[in-house]
Amino acid sequence: MATAIIALSLATQMRTRMNSTTLVTDNHEACWQAVQDRDPNADGQFIYAVLSTGVYCRPSCPSRPARRENLRFFDTPAAAERAGYRACLRCRPQDASAQTQQQLRIAEVCRMIEQAEHTPNLQELAAHANLSPHHLHRVFKQTTGLTPKAYANAVRQRRLADTLNTTQSVTAAAFAAGFASGSRFYASSDSLLGMTPSQYRAGGSSQQIKYTLAPCSLGLVLAAFSGKGICAILLGDQADDLTADLLHRFPAAECLLAPDELGNVIQQVVSLIEQPTTALDLPLDIRGTVFQRQVWQALQQIPLGETANYSDIAARIGSPRAVRAVASACAANPLALVVPCHRVLRRDGALSGYRWGLERKQALLDREAAARKIIDG
């Protein structure tokens, strides 16, 4: 079904982490590295104790770390105290860290949004969290990867999808999802669902997606076109595999092979592969979560012949800690080349995973670097 996916996964993962303890004390190398880095992300996962002082600390403690052979790692402060250690007066490891307190506060704001009958505005959310609106907006995005408004839209999107499946009236579903009027709902329903409400209630089966394939220097390329624009550009070696990938992405849509009708489309896509400076003069139908679209938009801003790493992209979208989520969004990219996920490397500059193969990734980067040299003269 070619429905829009709800953008709640990152926030859900964040809240799940806060309700469970990740035990890493069986990996002393990772613990030692976290202490060396004074990594605040490790706070709450373990604490370390110093044999020579009898004190235990959180990983981010600003105190000068002791020798490695003098450190002992424990899952909890209680475990360290049972072993005879006392809490550090500087980092107070027995108390919740500032980061944990912030996460708990943002989790409470998320619950308020999810449980509210009508979407609270930023001022109401800030008052509930006892923060200024500006500070709440900043820390909410830093923690969840979304702004409060984007998170609220995602919640409303989920409600809309759920209620459309359980109510007989589209209008009733709109009001149940938090829309103030039917006109506002219909104005935004297509962008929220990726199709009209009637199509969604039919399981997306009335959608028609046309596609075609063509050979190129990288193997085969498949281009798919919906009523709005190009919705998929896939690379591979076997036509059957590419077609199966398309059907997996749009399982309830009617996918039709239409090489004659899409001749101009596939020609432009192949030209883009062979000549990276070619402009793609076609509309796009980009579907994904709010977070994924943020990442993909940032990828499109990487200039030809240049690269970035996952941390760079996370910082650009205002979510510096969401590096793994950024990598997942890159892996889910359905539009090869147009959304240039191949321009994202590891922090050390090495090639990282690429859905369509590292050899293709390197070939694309080499071509773009050569084209950039020609442009720069």
Protein backbone atom coordinates (compact mmCIF):
# COMPACT_ATOMS: atom_id res chain seq x y z
CA MET A 1 0.00 0.00 0.00
CA ALA A 2 1.47 3.32 -1.05
CA THR A 3 0.49 5.11 2.12
CA ALA A 4 2.48 7.76 3.92
CA ILE A 5 4.42 6.25 6.85
CA ILE A 6 3.99 7.74 10.30
CA ALA A 7 7.03 9.66 11.50
CA LEU A 8 7.01 8.45 15.09
CA SER A 9 9.71 5.77 15.07
CA LEU A 10 12.56 7.96 16.32
CA ALA A 11 10.57 9.35 19.23
CA THR A 12 9.27 5.87 20.08
CA GLN A 13 12.82 4.51 20.14
CA MET A 14 13.86 7.37 22.40
CA ARG A 15 11.04 6.62 24.86
CA THR A 16 11.76 2.89 24.77
CA ARG A 17 15.40 3.54 25.65
CA MET A 18 14.32 5.59 28.65
CA ASN A 19 12.15 2.74 29.95
CA SER A 20 14.87 0.13 29.75
CA THR A 21 18.50 -0.21 30.74
CA THR A 22 21.12 -1.13 28.17
CA LEU A 23 23.73 -3.21 29.95
CA VAL A 24 27.14 -2.73 28.41
CA THR A 25 29.36 -3.70 31.32
CA ASP A 26 30.28 -6.94 29.59
CA ASN A 27 32.06 -4.82 26.98
CA HIS A 28 34.86 -3.18 28.95
CA GLU A 29 36.44 -1.71 25.82
CA ALA A 30 33.26 0.22 25.00
CA CYS A 31 32.90 1.35 28.62
CA TRP A 32 36.49 2.54 28.79
CA GLN A 33 36.11 4.48 25.55
CA ALA A 34 32.93 6.14 26.83
CA VAL A 35 34.76 7.22 30.01
CA GLN A 36 37.67 8.54 27.95
CA ASP A 37 35.23 10.52 25.78
CA ARG A 38 33.12 11.61 28.77
CA ASP A 39 30.20 10.53 26.62
CA PRO A 40 26.88 11.83 28.01
CA ASN A 41 25.01 9.30 25.84
CA ALA A 42 26.48 6.54 28.02
CA ASP A 43 25.04 8.03 31.21
CA GLY A 44 22.42 5.69 32.58
CA GLN A 45 23.86 2.68 30.77
CA PHE A 46 26.60 1.99 33.31
CA ILE A 47 28.75 3.63 35.98
CA TYR A 48 32.43 3.18 36.75
CA ALA A 49 34.21 2.94 40.09
CA VAL A 50 37.82 3.78 40.96
CA LEU A 51 39.69 1.32 43.17
CA SER A 52 42.16 3.90 44.50
CA THR A 53 39.52 6.39 45.68
CA GLY A 54 36.54 4.17 46.44
CA VAL A 55 34.31 6.52 44.40
CA TYR A 56 31.94 5.70 41.55
CA CYS A 57 31.00 8.12 38.74
CA ARG A 58 28.81 8.45 35.67
CA PRO A 59 30.67 8.14 32.29
CA SER A 60 30.43 11.88 31.59
CA CYS A 61 31.98 12.90 34.92
CA PRO A 62 34.34 15.85 34.30
CA SER A 63 36.83 14.52 36.84
CA ARG A 64 40.15 13.31 35.51
CA PRO A 65 39.74 9.59 34.75
CA ALA A 66 41.89 7.13 36.66
CA ARG A 67 44.11 4.51 35.13
CA ARG A 68 42.25 1.85 33.26
CA GLU A 69 43.49 -0.93 35.52
CA ASN A 70 41.93 0.88 38.50
CA LEU A 71 38.44 1.05 37.00
CA ARG A 72 35.56 -1.29 37.65
CA PHE A 73 32.27 -1.14 35.73
CA PHE A 74 28.79 -1.68 37.15
CA ASP A 75 25.32 -1.71 35.66
CA THR A 76 23.77 0.51 38.35
CA PRO A 77 24.79 2.77 41.24
CA ALA A 78 23.22 0.25 43.63
CA ALA A 79 25.56 -2.46 42.37
CA ALA A 80 28.57 -0.21 42.96
CA GLU A 81 27.41 0.65 46.46
CA ARG A 82 26.93 -3.03 47.28
CA ALA A 83 30.56 -3.47 46.28
CA GLY A 84 31.59 -0.81 48.81
CA TYR A 85 31.94 2.31 46.63
CA ARG A 86 30.44 5.74 47.39
CA ALA A 87 28.93 8.25 44.95
CA CYS A 88 31.03 11.03 43.42
CA LEU A 89 30.01 14.41 44.84
CA ARG A 90 30.85 16.13 41.55
CA CYS A 91 28.74 14.21 38.99
CA ARG A 92 26.19 12.73 41.46
CA PRO A 93 25.75 9.44 39.56
CA GLN A 94 22.93 8.28 41.83
CA ASP A 95 20.72 11.10 40.48
CA ALA A 96 19.15 11.21 37.02
CA SER A 97 21.48 12.93 34.55
CA ALA A 98 20.52 16.24 32.95
CA GLN A 99 20.13 14.43 29.64
CA THR A 100 17.82 11.82 31.19
CA GLN A 101 15.76 14.53 32.87
CA GLN A 102 15.44 16.32 29.54
CA GLN A 103 14.39 13.11 27.78
CA LEU A 104 11.78 12.40 30.44
CA ARG A 105 10.40 15.91 30.05
CA ILE A 106 10.20 15.59 26.27
CA ALA A 107 8.59 12.16 26.60
CA GLU A 108 5.90 13.77 28.76
CA VAL A 109 5.35 16.42 26.08
CA CYS A 110 5.01 13.63 23.49
CA ARG A 111 2.37 11.96 25.66
CA MET A 112 0.51 15.27 25.98
CA ILE A 113 0.42 15.62 22.18
CA GLU A 114 -0.69 12.03 21.72
CA GLN A 115 -3.46 12.19 24.30
CA ALA A 116 -4.84 15.65 23.48
CA GLU A 117 -8.17 15.80 21.67
CA HIS A 118 -6.97 18.84 19.72
CA THR A 119 -3.33 19.59 18.93
CA PRO A 120 -1.78 21.81 21.65
CA ASN A 121 0.15 24.85 20.42
CA LEU A 122 3.80 25.49 21.29
CA GLN A 123 2.94 27.85 24.16
CA GLU A 124 0.68 25.24 25.79
CA LEU A 125 3.32 22.55 25.44
CA ALA A 126 6.00 24.85 26.87
CA ALA A 127 3.84 25.71 29.87
CA HIS A 128 3.22 22.00 30.50
CA ALA A 129 6.98 21.31 30.39
CA ASN A 130 7.83 24.43 32.43
CA LEU A 131 10.15 25.63 29.65
CA SER A 132 10.20 28.64 27.37
CA PRO A 133 8.67 28.01 23.91
CA HIS A 134 12.03 28.60 22.22
CA HIS A 135 13.89 26.22 24.55
CA LEU A 136 11.20 23.54 24.22
CA HIS A 137 11.29 23.76 20.42
CA ARG A 138 15.08 23.33 20.44
CA VAL A 139 15.34 20.44 22.88
CA PHE A 140 12.30 18.65 21.44
CA LYS A 141 13.87 18.56 17.99
CA GLN A 142 17.26 17.65 19.46
CA THR A 143 15.72 14.71 21.33
CA THR A 144 13.18 13.33 18.84
CA GLY A 145 14.50 14.55 15.48
CA LEU A 146 11.21 16.39 14.84
CA THR A 147 9.76 19.75 15.77
CA PRO A 148 6.72 19.69 18.08
CA LYS A 149 4.54 20.68 15.11
CA ALA A 150 5.94 17.90 12.90
CA TYR A 151 5.45 15.38 15.72
CA ALA A 152 1.86 16.55 16.21
CA ASN A 153 1.24 16.22 12.46
CA ALA A 154 2.62 12.68 12.57
CA VAL A 155 0.30 11.82 15.47
CA ARG A 156 -2.63 13.24 13.55
CA GLN A 157 -1.55 11.29 10.49
CA ARG A 158 -1.57 8.06 12.49
CA ARG A 159 -4.98 8.84 13.95
CA LEU A 160 -6.33 9.61 10.50
CA ALA A 161 -5.03 6.32 9.09
CA ASP A 162 -6.47 4.38 12.03
CA THR A 163 -9.88 6.06 12.03
CA LEU A 164 -10.33 5.79 8.26
CA ASN A 165 -10.11 2.05 8.72
CA THR A 166 -12.65 1.93 11.54
CA THR A 167 -15.28 4.62 10.76
CA GLN A 168 -17.85 4.68 8.02
CA SER A 169 -17.65 8.44 7.47
CA VAL A 170 -14.57 10.20 6.11
CA THR A 171 -15.74 13.40 7.80
CA ALA A 172 -16.02 11.62 11.15
CA ALA A 173 -12.49 10.28 10.70
CA ALA A 174 -11.24 13.81 9.98
CA PHE A 175 -12.72 15.23 13.18
CA ALA A 176 -11.54 12.25 15.21
CA ALA A 177 -8.01 12.85 13.92
CA GLY A 178 -8.11 16.43 15.22
CA PHE A 179 -8.98 18.45 12.12
CA ALA A 180 -11.04 21.52 12.92
CA SER A 181 -12.93 21.45 9.63
CA GLY A 182 -13.60 19.14 6.71
CA SER A 183 -12.15 21.64 4.24
CA ARG A 184 -8.83 21.76 6.07
CA PHE A 185 -8.75 17.97 6.15
CA TYR A 186 -9.34 17.55 2.42
CA ALA A 187 -6.76 20.24 1.64
CA SER A 188 -4.04 18.25 3.43
CA SER A 189 -5.24 14.64 3.22
CA ASP A 190 -3.38 13.82 0.03
CA SER A 191 -0.02 14.89 1.48
CA LEU A 192 -0.75 13.05 4.74
CA LEU A 193 -1.87 9.77 3.21
CA GLY A 194 -0.11 9.85 -0.13
CA MET A 195 -3.52 9.45 -1.82
CA THR A 196 -7.12 10.57 -1.46
CA PRO A 197 -9.13 9.34 1.56
CA SER A 198 -11.32 7.17 -0.68
CA GLN A 199 -8.24 5.54 -2.22
CA TYR A 200 -6.79 4.91 1.24
CA ARG A 201 -10.00 3.28 2.46
CA ALA A 202 -9.86 1.04 -0.59
CA GLY A 203 -6.41 -0.08 0.52
CA GLY A 204 -4.61 1.96 -2.12
CA SER A 205 -5.76 -0.51 -4.73
CA SER A 206 -7.05 2.22 -7.04
CA GLN A 207 -3.59 3.71 -7.43
CA GLN A 208 -1.82 3.06 -10.66
CA ILE A 209 1.95 3.21 -10.98
CA LYS A 210 3.61 2.82 -14.36
CA TYR A 211 7.21 1.75 -14.74
CA THR A 212 9.85 0.85 -17.26
CA LEU A 213 13.44 -0.40 -17.30
CA ALA A 214 16.50 0.37 -19.38
CA PRO A 215 20.16 -0.67 -19.51
CA CYS A 216 22.82 1.77 -18.38
CA SER A 217 26.51 1.69 -17.55
CA LEU A 218 25.65 0.70 -13.96
CA GLY A 219 23.53 -2.27 -15.00
CA LEU A 220 19.76 -1.79 -15.16
CA VAL A 221 17.65 1.13 -13.97
CA LEU A 222 13.93 1.11 -13.21
CA ALA A 223 11.91 4.32 -13.20
CA ALA A 224 8.35 4.40 -11.82
CA PHE A 225 5.84 7.17 -12.35
CA SER A 226 2.67 7.85 -10.35
CA GLY A 227 0.06 10.42 -11.21
CA LYS A 228 2.15 13.02 -9.40
CA GLY A 229 5.64 12.28 -10.64
CA ILE A 230 8.59 9.90 -10.36
CA CYS A 231 8.09 7.83 -7.22
CA ALA A 232 10.99 5.38 -7.60
CA ILE A 233 14.37 5.10 -9.33
CA LEU A 234 15.99 1.74 -8.60
CA LEU A 235 19.32 0.29 -9.70
CA GLY A 236 20.25 -3.36 -10.10
CA ASP A 237 21.31 -6.21 -12.36
CA GLN A 238 18.15 -8.24 -12.90
CA ALA A 239 14.81 -6.95 -14.20
CA ASP A 240 12.90 -9.42 -12.01
CA ASP A 241 14.66 -8.19 -8.87
CA LEU A 242 13.96 -4.55 -9.66
CA THR A 243 10.31 -5.26 -10.41
CA ALA A 244 9.99 -7.22 -7.16
CA ASP A 245 11.49 -4.26 -5.27
CA LEU A 246 8.92 -1.92 -6.82
CA LEU A 247 6.03 -4.24 -5.97
CA HIS A 248 7.31 -4.52 -2.40
CA ARG A 249 7.29 -0.74 -2.06
CA PHE A 250 3.78 -0.38 -3.51
CA PRO A 251 2.10 -3.74 -2.71
CA ALA A 252 -1.53 -2.61 -3.11
CA ALA A 253 -1.06 -0.40 -6.17
CA GLU A 254 -1.55 -1.54 -9.72
CA CYS A 255 1.96 -1.52 -11.21
CA LEU A 256 1.98 -1.56 -15.00
CA LEU A 257 4.95 -1.97 -17.32
CA ALA A 258 4.68 0.95 -19.76
CA PRO A 259 7.93 1.37 -21.75
CA ASP A 260 6.35 3.34 -24.61
CA GLU A 261 4.56 5.79 -22.38
CA LEU A 262 7.58 6.40 -20.16
CA GLY A 263 10.19 6.69 -22.90
CA ASN A 264 11.02 10.31 -22.06
CA VAL A 265 11.15 9.56 -18.35
CA ILE A 266 13.62 6.69 -18.58
CA GLN A 267 15.72 8.59 -21.13
CA GLN A 268 16.17 11.47 -18.70
CA VAL A 269 17.03 9.09 -15.86
CA VAL A 270 19.66 7.28 -17.93
CA SER A 271 21.12 10.63 -19.01
CA LEU A 272 21.41 11.62 -15.36
CA ILE A 273 23.37 8.43 -14.64
CA GLU A 274 25.74 8.87 -17.58
CA GLN A 275 26.11 12.66 -17.31
CA PRO A 276 25.77 13.82 -13.69
CA THR A 277 25.35 17.46 -14.75
CA THR A 278 22.11 16.64 -16.59
CA ALA A 279 19.03 18.30 -15.10
CA LEU A 280 16.03 16.05 -14.45
CA ASP A 281 13.08 18.05 -15.77
CA LEU A 282 10.38 15.87 -14.23
CA PRO A 283 8.12 16.18 -11.17
CA LEU A 284 8.86 14.01 -8.15
CA ASP A 285 6.50 12.09 -5.89
CA ILE A 286 8.62 11.68 -2.75
CA ARG A 287 6.92 9.62 -0.06
CA GLY A 288 8.24 8.98 3.42
CA THR A 289 8.01 9.98 7.05
CA VAL A 290 8.52 13.55 8.14
CA PHE A 291 11.99 12.63 9.39
CA GLN A 292 12.92 10.79 6.19
CA ARG A 293 11.86 13.75 4.06
CA GLN A 294 14.00 16.05 6.22
CA VAL A 295 17.00 13.80 5.61
CA TRP A 296 16.32 13.46 1.90
CA GLN A 297 15.97 17.21 1.52
CA ALA A 298 19.33 17.66 3.23
CA LEU A 299 20.88 15.11 0.86
CA GLN A 300 19.62 17.07 -2.13
CA GLN A 301 21.52 20.09 -0.84
CA ILE A 302 24.92 18.34 -1.05
CA PRO A 303 26.60 19.93 -4.09
CA LEU A 304 27.71 17.87 -7.06
CA GLY A 305 31.18 16.45 -6.51
CA GLU A 306 31.04 16.88 -2.73
CA THR A 307 30.27 14.46 0.08
CA ALA A 308 29.08 14.56 3.68
CA ASN A 309 28.98 12.10 6.55
CA TYR A 310 25.99 10.93 8.55
CA SER A 311 26.85 13.24 11.44
CA ASP A 312 26.90 16.21 9.06
CA ILE A 313 23.40 15.40 7.83
CA ALA A 314 22.11 14.88 11.38
CA ALA A 315 23.47 18.30 12.33
CA ARG A 316 21.97 19.96 9.26
CA ILE A 317 18.47 18.81 10.14
CA GLY A 318 18.91 19.93 13.74
CA SER A 319 19.17 16.42 15.23
CA PRO A 320 22.90 15.87 15.89
CA ARG A 321 22.30 12.69 17.90
CA ALA A 322 20.15 11.01 15.26
CA VAL A 323 23.06 9.59 13.27
CA ARG A 324 21.68 6.05 13.11
CA ALA A 325 18.24 7.31 12.12
CA VAL A 326 19.86 9.34 9.34
CA ALA A 327 21.62 6.20 8.08
CA SER A 328 18.29 4.34 8.10
CA ALA A 329 16.63 7.15 6.13
CA CYS A 330 19.43 6.98 3.55
CA ALA A 331 18.93 3.21 3.24
CA ALA A 332 15.17 3.71 2.70
CA ASN A 333 15.66 6.24 -0.11
CA PRO A 334 13.52 5.17 -3.12
CA LEU A 335 14.97 7.70 -5.58
CA ALA A 336 18.55 6.83 -6.50
CA LEU A 337 20.61 9.76 -7.81
CA VAL A 338 17.77 12.28 -7.49
CA VAL A 339 18.07 12.00 -3.72
CA PRO A 340 21.86 11.52 -3.67
CA CYS A 341 22.35 9.20 -0.70
CA HIS A 342 25.51 7.97 -2.46
CA ARG A 343 27.18 11.26 -1.43
CA VAL A 344 27.09 10.26 2.26
CA LEU A 345 30.22 8.57 3.62
CA ARG A 346 31.43 7.39 6.99
CA ARG A 347 33.10 9.89 9.28
CA ASP A 348 36.55 8.58 8.25
CA GLY A 349 35.73 9.14 4.56
CA ALA A 350 35.31 5.44 3.75
CA LEU A 351 32.38 4.13 1.74
CA SER A 352 29.50 2.97 3.88
CA GLY A 353 26.56 0.80 2.94
CA TYR A 354 24.66 1.57 -0.24
CA ARG A 355 21.37 -0.10 -1.14
CA TRP A 356 22.47 -0.59 -4.75
CA GLY A 357 26.04 -1.74 -4.08
CA LEU A 358 29.32 -0.09 -3.14
CA GLU A 359 30.73 -0.45 -6.66
CA ARG A 360 27.88 1.66 -8.03
CA LYS A 361 28.37 4.14 -5.22
CA GLN A 362 32.05 4.56 -6.02
CA ALA A 363 31.32 4.86 -9.75
CA LEU A 364 28.76 7.62 -9.13
CA LEU A 365 31.15 9.52 -6.88
CA ASP A 366 33.98 9.23 -9.42
CA ARG A 367 31.78 10.53 -12.22
CA GLU A 368 30.54 13.43 -10.15
CA ALA A 369 34.05 14.36 -9.05
CA ALA A 370 35.19 14.37 -12.68
CA ALA A 371 32.20 16.45 -13.74
CA ARG A 372 32.90 18.93 -10.94
CA LYS A 373 36.50 19.36 -12.13
CA ILE A 374 35.27 20.17 -15.62
CA ILE A 375 32.79 22.71 -14.27
CA ASP A 376 35.43 24.36 -12.08
CA GLY A 377 37.80 24.47 -15.07
